[in-house]
């Protein structure tokens, strides 16, 4: 089923493209960059985001084949449309030097196992915990926000070699993390393009 795009969204993307030429980017990279910029009205993300088209192609296929989507907080889940998500934050407790967000990641991993898409937009400690697990993710969208640990956790994600979407600065958040996942959800599969 194709997605109906509201005229306001169409106009927003038209204006975005009038201010920033994304036409030279590979298709999925362009989709992620544009949707993240659109969600934050922040053109600086064009130079701040880090990803590879190869990782996005693999993640896109896994997502459309039904791989689980795990989020760190309900705000990320609320922004992801057209897909159920797993969020275990309500079940988590802080303790043993671990934050609730870190414990929630561990609980989610116990539930979904390897191969999921992980969308972290709030807690750097959630991303740090994920990096300690043998999660074999299809993709990690690591865009936590904040002045304490956010940039460092994203740097650790990039250094891990896991397939990822991240950014260099402290900025990020639930809306941009959800937007990055939605870009992959909304991008047509080859079967949809041939219809």
N, C-alpha and C. Protein backbone atom coordinates (compact mmCIF):
# COMPACT_ATOMS: atom_id res chain seq x y z
N UNK A 1 0.86 -1.19 0.00
CA UNK A 1 0.00 0.00 0.00
C UNK A 1 0.90 1.24 0.00
N UNK A 2 0.70 2.09 -0.97
CA UNK A 2 1.53 3.30 -1.04
C UNK A 2 1.05 4.34 -0.03
N UNK A 3 1.97 5.15 0.38
CA UNK A 3 1.72 6.17 1.40
C UNK A 3 1.20 7.44 0.73
N UNK A 4 0.15 8.03 1.29
CA UNK A 4 -0.39 9.29 0.80
C UNK A 4 0.36 10.41 1.51
N UNK A 5 0.99 11.27 0.73
CA UNK A 5 1.78 12.37 1.29
C UNK A 5 0.94 13.64 1.31
N UNK A 6 0.85 14.24 2.49
CA UNK A 6 0.06 15.46 2.67
C UNK A 6 0.71 16.61 1.89
N UNK A 7 -0.09 17.53 1.34
CA UNK A 7 0.47 18.68 0.61
C UNK A 7 1.46 19.52 1.42
N UNK A 8 1.26 19.63 2.73
CA UNK A 8 2.20 20.40 3.55
C UNK A 8 3.57 19.72 3.56
N UNK A 9 3.56 18.40 3.66
CA UNK A 9 4.83 17.66 3.63
C UNK A 9 5.50 17.81 2.26
N UNK A 10 4.71 17.74 1.20
CA UNK A 10 5.27 17.92 -0.15
C UNK A 10 5.93 19.29 -0.28
N UNK A 11 5.27 20.31 0.22
CA UNK A 11 5.81 21.67 0.13
C UNK A 11 7.06 21.81 0.99
N UNK A 12 7.04 21.19 2.15
CA UNK A 12 8.21 21.25 3.03
C UNK A 12 9.43 20.64 2.36
N UNK A 13 9.26 19.49 1.73
CA UNK A 13 10.38 18.86 1.03
C UNK A 13 10.81 19.68 -0.19
N UNK A 14 9.86 20.33 -0.86
CA UNK A 14 10.23 21.19 -1.98
C UNK A 14 11.12 22.33 -1.51
N UNK A 15 10.74 22.95 -0.39
CA UNK A 15 11.53 24.05 0.15
C UNK A 15 12.90 23.56 0.64
N UNK A 16 12.92 22.40 1.28
CA UNK A 16 14.19 21.83 1.74
C UNK A 16 15.13 21.66 0.54
N UNK A 17 14.61 21.06 -0.54
CA UNK A 17 15.45 20.81 -1.72
C UNK A 17 15.84 22.09 -2.44
N UNK A 18 15.07 23.15 -2.27
CA UNK A 18 15.44 24.45 -2.85
C UNK A 18 16.62 25.06 -2.09
N UNK A 19 16.77 24.69 -0.83
CA UNK A 19 17.84 25.23 0.01
C UNK A 19 19.06 24.32 0.09
N UNK A 20 18.88 23.04 -0.23
CA UNK A 20 19.96 22.07 -0.11
C UNK A 20 19.87 21.07 -1.25
N UNK A 21 20.92 20.97 -2.04
CA UNK A 21 20.92 20.03 -3.16
C UNK A 21 21.35 18.65 -2.65
N UNK A 22 20.40 17.74 -2.59
CA UNK A 22 20.68 16.37 -2.15
C UNK A 22 20.67 15.39 -3.33
N UNK A 23 20.55 15.92 -4.53
CA UNK A 23 20.38 15.06 -5.71
C UNK A 23 21.57 14.15 -5.97
N UNK A 24 22.75 14.49 -5.48
CA UNK A 24 23.93 13.67 -5.71
C UNK A 24 24.09 12.52 -4.73
N UNK A 25 23.22 12.45 -3.73
CA UNK A 25 23.32 11.39 -2.73
C UNK A 25 22.68 10.11 -3.24
N UNK A 26 23.19 8.94 -2.82
CA UNK A 26 22.52 7.68 -3.17
C UNK A 26 21.11 7.67 -2.60
N UNK A 27 20.21 6.87 -3.17
CA UNK A 27 18.77 6.96 -2.85
C UNK A 27 18.41 6.84 -1.37
N UNK A 28 18.89 5.82 -0.68
CA UNK A 28 18.50 5.67 0.72
C UNK A 28 19.19 6.69 1.62
N UNK A 29 20.42 7.02 1.31
CA UNK A 29 21.11 8.07 2.06
C UNK A 29 20.35 9.39 1.91
N UNK A 30 19.95 9.69 0.69
CA UNK A 30 19.18 10.91 0.44
C UNK A 30 17.88 10.90 1.24
N UNK A 31 17.20 9.76 1.24
CA UNK A 31 15.94 9.65 1.97
C UNK A 31 16.14 9.92 3.46
N UNK A 32 17.18 9.33 4.05
CA UNK A 32 17.44 9.51 5.47
C UNK A 32 17.83 10.96 5.76
N UNK A 33 18.76 11.50 4.99
CA UNK A 33 19.21 12.88 5.21
C UNK A 33 18.03 13.85 5.11
N UNK A 34 17.24 13.72 4.07
CA UNK A 34 16.11 14.65 3.89
C UNK A 34 15.07 14.51 5.00
N UNK A 35 14.75 13.29 5.39
CA UNK A 35 13.71 13.11 6.40
C UNK A 35 14.20 13.60 7.76
N UNK A 36 15.47 13.37 8.09
CA UNK A 36 16.01 13.89 9.35
C UNK A 36 16.00 15.42 9.35
N UNK A 37 16.46 16.02 8.26
CA UNK A 37 16.45 17.49 8.16
C UNK A 37 15.02 18.00 8.27
N UNK A 38 14.10 17.35 7.58
CA UNK A 38 12.69 17.75 7.61
C UNK A 38 12.14 17.69 9.04
N UNK A 39 12.51 16.66 9.80
CA UNK A 39 11.96 16.50 11.15
C UNK A 39 12.45 17.56 12.12
N UNK A 40 13.64 18.12 11.85
CA UNK A 40 14.23 19.09 12.77
C UNK A 40 14.33 20.49 12.19
N UNK A 41 14.01 20.64 10.90
CA UNK A 41 14.20 21.92 10.20
C UNK A 41 15.63 22.42 10.42
N UNK A 42 16.58 21.50 10.31
CA UNK A 42 17.97 21.79 10.60
C UNK A 42 18.85 21.28 9.46
N UNK A 43 19.25 22.19 8.58
CA UNK A 43 20.06 21.82 7.42
C UNK A 43 21.46 21.32 7.80
N UNK A 44 21.92 21.63 9.00
CA UNK A 44 23.25 21.19 9.43
C UNK A 44 23.38 19.67 9.49
N UNK A 45 22.27 18.97 9.60
CA UNK A 45 22.34 17.51 9.61
C UNK A 45 22.96 16.96 8.32
N UNK A 46 22.89 17.70 7.24
CA UNK A 46 23.47 17.24 5.97
C UNK A 46 24.97 16.96 6.12
N UNK A 47 25.65 17.74 6.95
CA UNK A 47 27.08 17.55 7.17
C UNK A 47 27.38 16.79 8.46
N UNK A 48 26.38 16.56 9.29
CA UNK A 48 26.58 15.95 10.61
C UNK A 48 26.30 14.44 10.61
N UNK A 49 25.42 13.98 9.74
CA UNK A 49 25.04 12.56 9.71
C UNK A 49 26.15 11.71 9.12
N UNK A 50 26.26 10.48 9.62
CA UNK A 50 27.25 9.52 9.14
C UNK A 50 26.53 8.20 8.87
N UNK A 51 26.65 7.68 7.64
CA UNK A 51 26.03 6.41 7.25
C UNK A 51 26.63 5.97 5.93
N UNK A 52 26.39 4.70 5.57
CA UNK A 52 26.78 4.23 4.24
C UNK A 52 25.55 3.70 3.52
N UNK A 53 25.52 3.86 2.24
CA UNK A 53 24.40 3.35 1.44
C UNK A 53 24.31 1.83 1.56
N UNK A 54 25.45 1.17 1.61
CA UNK A 54 25.46 -0.29 1.70
C UNK A 54 24.73 -0.76 2.97
N UNK A 55 25.01 -0.12 4.10
CA UNK A 55 24.32 -0.46 5.34
C UNK A 55 22.83 -0.20 5.23
N UNK A 56 22.47 0.90 4.60
CA UNK A 56 21.05 1.24 4.47
C UNK A 56 20.31 0.27 3.57
N UNK A 57 20.95 -0.19 2.50
CA UNK A 57 20.32 -1.16 1.59
C UNK A 57 20.02 -2.45 2.35
N UNK A 58 20.99 -2.93 3.11
CA UNK A 58 20.80 -4.15 3.89
C UNK A 58 19.70 -3.96 4.93
N UNK A 59 19.73 -2.84 5.62
CA UNK A 59 18.72 -2.56 6.65
C UNK A 59 17.33 -2.41 6.05
N UNK A 60 17.24 -1.76 4.91
CA UNK A 60 15.96 -1.57 4.22
C UNK A 60 15.34 -2.93 3.90
N UNK A 61 16.17 -3.84 3.39
CA UNK A 61 15.68 -5.18 3.06
C UNK A 61 15.23 -5.91 4.33
N UNK A 62 16.00 -5.82 5.40
CA UNK A 62 15.64 -6.49 6.65
C UNK A 62 14.35 -5.91 7.22
N UNK A 63 14.22 -4.60 7.19
CA UNK A 63 13.02 -3.93 7.70
C UNK A 63 11.78 -4.39 6.95
N UNK A 64 11.88 -4.40 5.64
CA UNK A 64 10.72 -4.77 4.82
C UNK A 64 10.46 -6.27 4.81
N UNK A 65 11.44 -7.05 5.29
CA UNK A 65 11.24 -8.49 5.46
C UNK A 65 10.68 -8.83 6.84
N UNK A 66 10.48 -7.80 7.68
CA UNK A 66 9.84 -8.00 8.97
C UNK A 66 10.75 -8.04 10.18
N UNK A 67 12.01 -7.62 10.05
CA UNK A 67 12.90 -7.59 11.21
C UNK A 67 12.29 -6.71 12.30
N UNK A 68 12.46 -7.10 13.57
CA UNK A 68 11.91 -6.28 14.66
C UNK A 68 12.57 -4.91 14.72
N UNK A 69 11.80 -3.94 15.20
CA UNK A 69 12.30 -2.59 15.43
C UNK A 69 12.25 -2.33 16.93
N UNK A 70 13.41 -2.04 17.52
CA UNK A 70 13.50 -1.78 18.95
C UNK A 70 13.83 -0.30 19.14
N UNK A 71 13.13 0.34 20.08
CA UNK A 71 13.35 1.76 20.37
C UNK A 71 13.73 1.92 21.84
N UNK A 72 14.43 3.01 22.13
CA UNK A 72 14.85 3.22 23.52
C UNK A 72 13.77 3.87 24.37
N UNK A 73 12.90 4.67 23.78
CA UNK A 73 11.85 5.36 24.54
C UNK A 73 10.56 5.41 23.73
N UNK A 74 9.45 5.60 24.45
CA UNK A 74 8.13 5.66 23.79
C UNK A 74 8.02 6.83 22.82
N UNK A 75 8.77 7.91 23.08
CA UNK A 75 8.71 9.06 22.16
C UNK A 75 9.23 8.66 20.77
N UNK A 76 10.24 7.82 20.71
CA UNK A 76 10.72 7.33 19.41
C UNK A 76 9.64 6.45 18.80
N UNK A 77 9.06 5.57 19.59
CA UNK A 77 8.01 4.68 19.09
C UNK A 77 6.84 5.48 18.52
N UNK A 78 6.47 6.56 19.21
CA UNK A 78 5.34 7.38 18.76
C UNK A 78 5.60 8.01 17.39
N UNK A 79 6.86 8.27 17.09
CA UNK A 79 7.20 8.90 15.81
C UNK A 79 7.34 7.93 14.66
N UNK A 80 7.40 6.64 14.95
CA UNK A 80 7.54 5.63 13.89
C UNK A 80 6.15 5.20 13.46
N UNK A 81 5.87 5.45 12.22
CA UNK A 81 4.54 5.14 11.70
C UNK A 81 4.61 3.86 10.87
N UNK A 82 3.49 3.22 10.75
CA UNK A 82 3.36 2.04 9.89
C UNK A 82 4.19 0.85 10.37
N UNK A 83 4.57 0.81 11.66
CA UNK A 83 5.35 -0.33 12.13
C UNK A 83 5.25 -0.46 13.65
N UNK A 84 5.04 -1.67 14.12
CA UNK A 84 5.09 -1.94 15.56
C UNK A 84 6.54 -1.89 16.02
N UNK A 85 6.72 -1.48 17.26
CA UNK A 85 8.07 -1.41 17.83
C UNK A 85 8.09 -2.11 19.18
N UNK A 86 9.30 -2.41 19.63
CA UNK A 86 9.52 -2.97 20.96
C UNK A 86 10.20 -1.90 21.80
N UNK A 87 9.62 -1.59 22.95
CA UNK A 87 10.23 -0.67 23.91
C UNK A 87 10.01 -1.27 25.29
N UNK A 88 11.10 -1.55 26.01
CA UNK A 88 11.00 -2.21 27.30
C UNK A 88 11.30 -1.27 28.47
N UNK A 89 11.28 0.03 28.23
CA UNK A 89 11.63 0.99 29.26
C UNK A 89 10.71 0.89 30.48
N UNK A 90 9.44 0.64 30.27
CA UNK A 90 8.49 0.55 31.40
C UNK A 90 8.81 -0.64 32.31
N UNK A 91 9.44 -1.66 31.77
CA UNK A 91 9.78 -2.86 32.54
C UNK A 91 11.14 -2.77 33.21
N UNK A 92 11.91 -1.75 32.87
CA UNK A 92 13.31 -1.67 33.29
C UNK A 92 13.45 -0.97 34.65
N UNK A 93 14.53 -1.32 35.33
CA UNK A 93 14.86 -0.67 36.60
C UNK A 93 16.33 -0.30 36.57
N UNK A 94 16.64 0.78 37.25
CA UNK A 94 18.05 1.17 37.39
C UNK A 94 18.66 0.34 38.51
N UNK A 95 19.94 0.05 38.37
CA UNK A 95 20.63 -0.68 39.42
C UNK A 95 21.89 -1.32 38.91
N UNK A 96 22.75 -1.73 39.82
CA UNK A 96 24.03 -2.35 39.46
C UNK A 96 24.82 -1.47 38.52
N UNK A 97 24.73 -0.14 38.73
CA UNK A 97 25.47 0.79 37.90
C UNK A 97 24.88 1.00 36.52
N UNK A 98 23.70 0.46 36.27
CA UNK A 98 23.05 0.56 34.97
C UNK A 98 21.83 1.47 35.06
N UNK A 99 21.63 2.31 34.05
CA UNK A 99 20.44 3.16 34.00
C UNK A 99 19.23 2.32 33.57
N UNK A 100 18.04 2.86 33.76
CA UNK A 100 16.82 2.19 33.26
C UNK A 100 16.92 1.99 31.76
N UNK A 101 17.43 2.99 31.04
CA UNK A 101 17.53 2.88 29.58
C UNK A 101 18.45 1.73 29.17
N UNK A 102 19.55 1.57 29.89
CA UNK A 102 20.47 0.47 29.58
C UNK A 102 19.81 -0.87 29.89
N UNK A 103 19.12 -0.97 31.01
CA UNK A 103 18.43 -2.21 31.35
C UNK A 103 17.35 -2.53 30.32
N UNK A 104 16.65 -1.50 29.85
CA UNK A 104 15.61 -1.71 28.84
C UNK A 104 16.18 -2.29 27.56
N UNK A 105 17.36 -1.86 27.17
CA UNK A 105 18.01 -2.41 25.97
C UNK A 105 18.30 -3.89 26.18
N UNK A 106 18.80 -4.23 27.36
CA UNK A 106 19.10 -5.63 27.65
C UNK A 106 17.81 -6.47 27.61
N UNK A 107 16.74 -5.96 28.20
CA UNK A 107 15.45 -6.67 28.17
C UNK A 107 14.94 -6.84 26.73
N UNK A 108 15.07 -5.79 25.95
CA UNK A 108 14.61 -5.86 24.56
C UNK A 108 15.42 -6.88 23.77
N UNK A 109 16.72 -6.90 23.99
CA UNK A 109 17.55 -7.88 23.29
C UNK A 109 17.17 -9.30 23.68
N UNK A 110 16.88 -9.53 24.96
CA UNK A 110 16.43 -10.85 25.39
C UNK A 110 15.12 -11.24 24.69
N UNK A 111 14.30 -10.26 24.38
CA UNK A 111 13.02 -10.52 23.72
C UNK A 111 13.18 -10.77 22.22
N UNK A 112 13.98 -9.93 21.53
CA UNK A 112 14.01 -10.00 20.06
C UNK A 112 15.21 -10.75 19.50
N UNK A 113 16.29 -10.86 20.26
CA UNK A 113 17.48 -11.55 19.76
C UNK A 113 18.19 -10.76 18.68
N UNK A 114 19.07 -11.43 17.93
CA UNK A 114 19.87 -10.74 16.91
C UNK A 114 19.04 -10.37 15.68
N UNK A 115 19.59 -9.42 14.90
CA UNK A 115 19.00 -9.07 13.61
C UNK A 115 17.99 -7.95 13.61
N UNK A 116 17.76 -7.31 14.73
CA UNK A 116 16.76 -6.23 14.81
C UNK A 116 17.35 -4.92 14.30
N UNK A 117 16.47 -3.97 14.05
CA UNK A 117 16.85 -2.58 13.82
C UNK A 117 16.64 -1.86 15.15
N UNK A 118 17.68 -1.19 15.63
CA UNK A 118 17.66 -0.49 16.91
C UNK A 118 17.61 1.00 16.65
N UNK A 119 16.66 1.69 17.28
CA UNK A 119 16.48 3.12 17.06
C UNK A 119 16.60 3.82 18.41
N UNK A 120 17.73 4.49 18.62
CA UNK A 120 18.03 5.12 19.90
C UNK A 120 18.13 6.62 19.69
N UNK A 121 17.17 7.35 20.27
CA UNK A 121 17.10 8.78 20.07
C UNK A 121 17.16 9.60 21.34
N UNK A 122 17.25 8.93 22.47
CA UNK A 122 17.19 9.67 23.73
C UNK A 122 18.42 9.44 24.60
N UNK A 123 18.67 8.19 24.94
CA UNK A 123 19.62 7.89 26.01
C UNK A 123 20.96 7.36 25.49
N UNK A 124 22.04 8.12 25.71
CA UNK A 124 23.36 7.60 25.36
C UNK A 124 23.67 6.28 26.06
N UNK A 125 23.16 6.10 27.30
CA UNK A 125 23.44 4.85 28.01
C UNK A 125 22.78 3.65 27.34
N UNK A 126 21.66 3.87 26.65
CA UNK A 126 21.03 2.79 25.90
C UNK A 126 21.94 2.36 24.75
N UNK A 127 22.51 3.33 24.06
CA UNK A 127 23.43 3.01 22.96
C UNK A 127 24.68 2.33 23.49
N UNK A 128 25.21 2.82 24.60
CA UNK A 128 26.39 2.20 25.20
C UNK A 128 26.12 0.75 25.57
N UNK A 129 24.95 0.48 26.14
CA UNK A 129 24.59 -0.89 26.52
C UNK A 129 24.46 -1.78 25.30
N UNK A 130 23.83 -1.28 24.26
CA UNK A 130 23.69 -2.07 23.03
C UNK A 130 25.06 -2.51 22.51
N UNK A 131 26.04 -1.63 22.62
CA UNK A 131 27.37 -1.95 22.11
C UNK A 131 28.06 -3.03 22.92
N UNK A 132 27.57 -3.35 24.12
CA UNK A 132 28.15 -4.43 24.90
C UNK A 132 27.53 -5.78 24.57
N UNK A 133 26.45 -5.80 23.84
CA UNK A 133 25.73 -7.03 23.51
C UNK A 133 26.19 -7.58 22.16
N UNK A 134 25.97 -8.85 21.96
CA UNK A 134 26.26 -9.47 20.67
C UNK A 134 24.97 -9.47 19.85
N UNK A 135 24.46 -8.26 19.56
CA UNK A 135 23.12 -8.12 18.99
C UNK A 135 23.06 -8.36 17.49
N UNK A 136 24.18 -8.36 16.80
CA UNK A 136 24.21 -8.52 15.33
C UNK A 136 23.06 -7.76 14.67
N UNK A 137 22.99 -6.45 14.90
CA UNK A 137 21.84 -5.68 14.40
C UNK A 137 21.83 -5.56 12.88
N UNK A 138 20.62 -5.46 12.33
CA UNK A 138 20.49 -5.12 10.92
C UNK A 138 20.92 -3.67 10.72
N UNK A 139 20.67 -2.82 11.72
CA UNK A 139 21.07 -1.42 11.69
C UNK A 139 20.89 -0.85 13.09
N UNK A 140 21.77 0.06 13.46
CA UNK A 140 21.60 0.85 14.67
C UNK A 140 21.46 2.30 14.25
N UNK A 141 20.30 2.87 14.51
CA UNK A 141 20.12 4.30 14.34
C UNK A 141 20.43 4.90 15.69
N UNK A 142 21.64 5.41 15.83
CA UNK A 142 22.12 5.93 17.10
C UNK A 142 22.19 7.43 17.05
N UNK A 143 21.12 8.08 17.47
CA UNK A 143 21.02 9.54 17.44
C UNK A 143 20.58 10.09 18.79
N UNK A 144 21.18 9.59 19.91
CA UNK A 144 20.81 10.18 21.21
C UNK A 144 21.26 11.62 21.30
N UNK A 145 20.58 12.37 22.13
CA UNK A 145 20.82 13.80 22.25
C UNK A 145 21.35 14.11 23.65
N UNK A 146 22.18 15.13 23.75
CA UNK A 146 22.59 15.59 25.07
C UNK A 146 24.02 16.03 25.13
N UNK A 147 24.34 16.72 26.22
CA UNK A 147 25.69 17.23 26.44
C UNK A 147 26.56 16.23 27.18
N UNK A 148 25.95 15.21 27.79
CA UNK A 148 26.72 14.22 28.54
C UNK A 148 26.60 12.86 27.85
N UNK A 149 27.66 12.46 27.21
CA UNK A 149 27.74 11.11 26.65
C UNK A 149 27.18 10.90 25.26
N UNK A 150 26.42 11.85 24.73
CA UNK A 150 25.78 11.61 23.43
C UNK A 150 26.80 11.51 22.31
N UNK A 151 27.65 12.51 22.16
CA UNK A 151 28.65 12.48 21.08
C UNK A 151 29.60 11.30 21.27
N UNK A 152 29.96 11.03 22.51
CA UNK A 152 30.88 9.94 22.79
C UNK A 152 30.27 8.58 22.45
N UNK A 153 29.00 8.38 22.79
CA UNK A 153 28.35 7.09 22.49
C UNK A 153 28.21 6.90 20.99
N UNK A 154 27.96 7.99 20.27
CA UNK A 154 27.85 7.88 18.81
C UNK A 154 29.22 7.61 18.17
N UNK A 155 30.26 8.19 18.73
CA UNK A 155 31.62 7.90 18.25
C UNK A 155 31.94 6.42 18.48
N UNK A 156 31.55 5.89 19.64
CA UNK A 156 31.78 4.47 19.94
C UNK A 156 31.00 3.58 18.98
N UNK A 157 29.80 4.00 18.62
CA UNK A 157 29.01 3.25 17.64
C UNK A 157 29.75 3.19 16.30
N UNK A 158 30.24 4.33 15.84
CA UNK A 158 30.96 4.34 14.55
C UNK A 158 32.23 3.49 14.63
N UNK A 159 32.92 3.54 15.76
CA UNK A 159 34.14 2.75 15.92
C UNK A 159 33.86 1.26 16.01
N UNK A 160 32.64 0.88 16.38
CA UNK A 160 32.29 -0.53 16.56
C UNK A 160 32.24 -1.29 15.24
N UNK A 161 32.04 -0.57 14.14
CA UNK A 161 31.92 -1.23 12.84
C UNK A 161 30.53 -1.78 12.57
N UNK A 162 29.58 -1.61 13.50
CA UNK A 162 28.21 -2.07 13.27
C UNK A 162 27.56 -1.21 12.18
N UNK A 163 26.62 -1.78 11.42
CA UNK A 163 25.89 -0.96 10.45
C UNK A 163 25.09 0.10 11.20
N UNK A 164 25.26 1.36 10.80
CA UNK A 164 24.70 2.42 11.63
C UNK A 164 24.37 3.69 10.87
N UNK A 165 23.47 4.44 11.47
CA UNK A 165 23.23 5.85 11.15
C UNK A 165 23.52 6.58 12.45
N UNK A 166 24.43 7.54 12.39
CA UNK A 166 24.74 8.33 13.57
C UNK A 166 25.02 9.76 13.13
N UNK A 167 25.40 10.58 14.09
CA UNK A 167 25.87 11.92 13.76
C UNK A 167 27.00 12.28 14.71
N UNK A 168 27.75 13.28 14.34
CA UNK A 168 28.97 13.62 15.06
C UNK A 168 28.69 14.50 16.29
N UNK A 169 27.74 15.40 16.20
CA UNK A 169 27.50 16.38 17.26
C UNK A 169 26.65 15.81 18.40
N UNK A 170 26.40 16.67 19.41
CA UNK A 170 25.57 16.29 20.55
C UNK A 170 24.08 16.25 20.19
N UNK A 171 23.72 16.89 19.08
CA UNK A 171 22.29 16.95 18.77
C UNK A 171 21.79 15.60 18.27
N UNK A 172 20.49 15.47 18.31
CA UNK A 172 19.82 14.24 17.94
C UNK A 172 18.43 14.29 18.54
N UNK A 173 17.93 13.19 19.01
CA UNK A 173 16.65 13.17 19.69
C UNK A 173 15.66 12.20 19.08
N UNK A 174 14.56 12.06 19.77
CA UNK A 174 13.53 11.10 19.38
C UNK A 174 12.98 11.37 17.98
N UNK A 175 12.71 12.64 17.67
CA UNK A 175 12.11 12.96 16.37
C UNK A 175 13.04 12.61 15.22
N UNK A 176 14.33 12.92 15.35
CA UNK A 176 15.25 12.64 14.24
C UNK A 176 15.53 11.15 14.13
N UNK A 177 15.60 10.45 15.26
CA UNK A 177 15.81 9.01 15.21
C UNK A 177 14.63 8.32 14.53
N UNK A 178 13.42 8.71 14.91
CA UNK A 178 12.23 8.14 14.27
C UNK A 178 12.20 8.49 12.79
N UNK A 179 12.60 9.70 12.45
CA UNK A 179 12.60 10.13 11.05
C UNK A 179 13.55 9.27 10.22
N UNK A 180 14.70 8.93 10.76
CA UNK A 180 15.65 8.10 10.03
C UNK A 180 15.06 6.73 9.73
N UNK A 181 14.36 6.15 10.71
CA UNK A 181 13.72 4.85 10.49
C UNK A 181 12.58 4.99 9.50
N UNK A 182 11.77 6.05 9.65
CA UNK A 182 10.66 6.26 8.72
C UNK A 182 11.14 6.42 7.29
N UNK A 183 12.30 7.03 7.09
CA UNK A 183 12.84 7.17 5.73
C UNK A 183 13.00 5.79 5.09
N UNK A 184 13.45 4.83 5.85
CA UNK A 184 13.61 3.47 5.33
C UNK A 184 12.25 2.79 5.15
N UNK A 185 11.33 3.06 6.07
CA UNK A 185 9.98 2.49 5.94
C UNK A 185 9.26 3.02 4.71
N UNK A 186 9.37 4.31 4.46
CA UNK A 186 8.63 4.95 3.37
C UNK A 186 9.26 4.68 2.01
N UNK A 187 10.56 4.41 1.99
CA UNK A 187 11.24 4.21 0.70
C UNK A 187 10.72 2.91 0.09
N UNK A 188 10.30 2.95 -1.16
CA UNK A 188 9.71 1.75 -1.76
C UNK A 188 10.72 0.62 -1.92
N UNK A 189 10.19 -0.60 -1.84
CA UNK A 189 11.01 -1.76 -2.18
C UNK A 189 11.04 -1.90 -3.69
N UNK A 190 11.91 -2.75 -4.20
CA UNK A 190 11.98 -2.92 -5.66
C UNK A 190 10.65 -3.48 -6.19
N UNK A 191 9.96 -4.31 -5.43
CA UNK A 191 8.66 -4.83 -5.86
C UNK A 191 7.64 -3.71 -5.97
N UNK A 192 7.66 -2.78 -5.03
CA UNK A 192 6.73 -1.65 -5.07
C UNK A 192 7.05 -0.70 -6.23
N UNK A 193 8.35 -0.53 -6.50
CA UNK A 193 8.74 0.35 -7.61
C UNK A 193 8.30 -0.21 -8.96
N UNK A 194 8.18 -1.55 -9.05
CA UNK A 194 7.81 -2.18 -10.32
C UNK A 194 6.31 -2.27 -10.53
N UNK A 195 5.54 -1.81 -9.55
CA UNK A 195 4.07 -1.86 -9.69
C UNK A 195 3.55 -0.71 -10.49
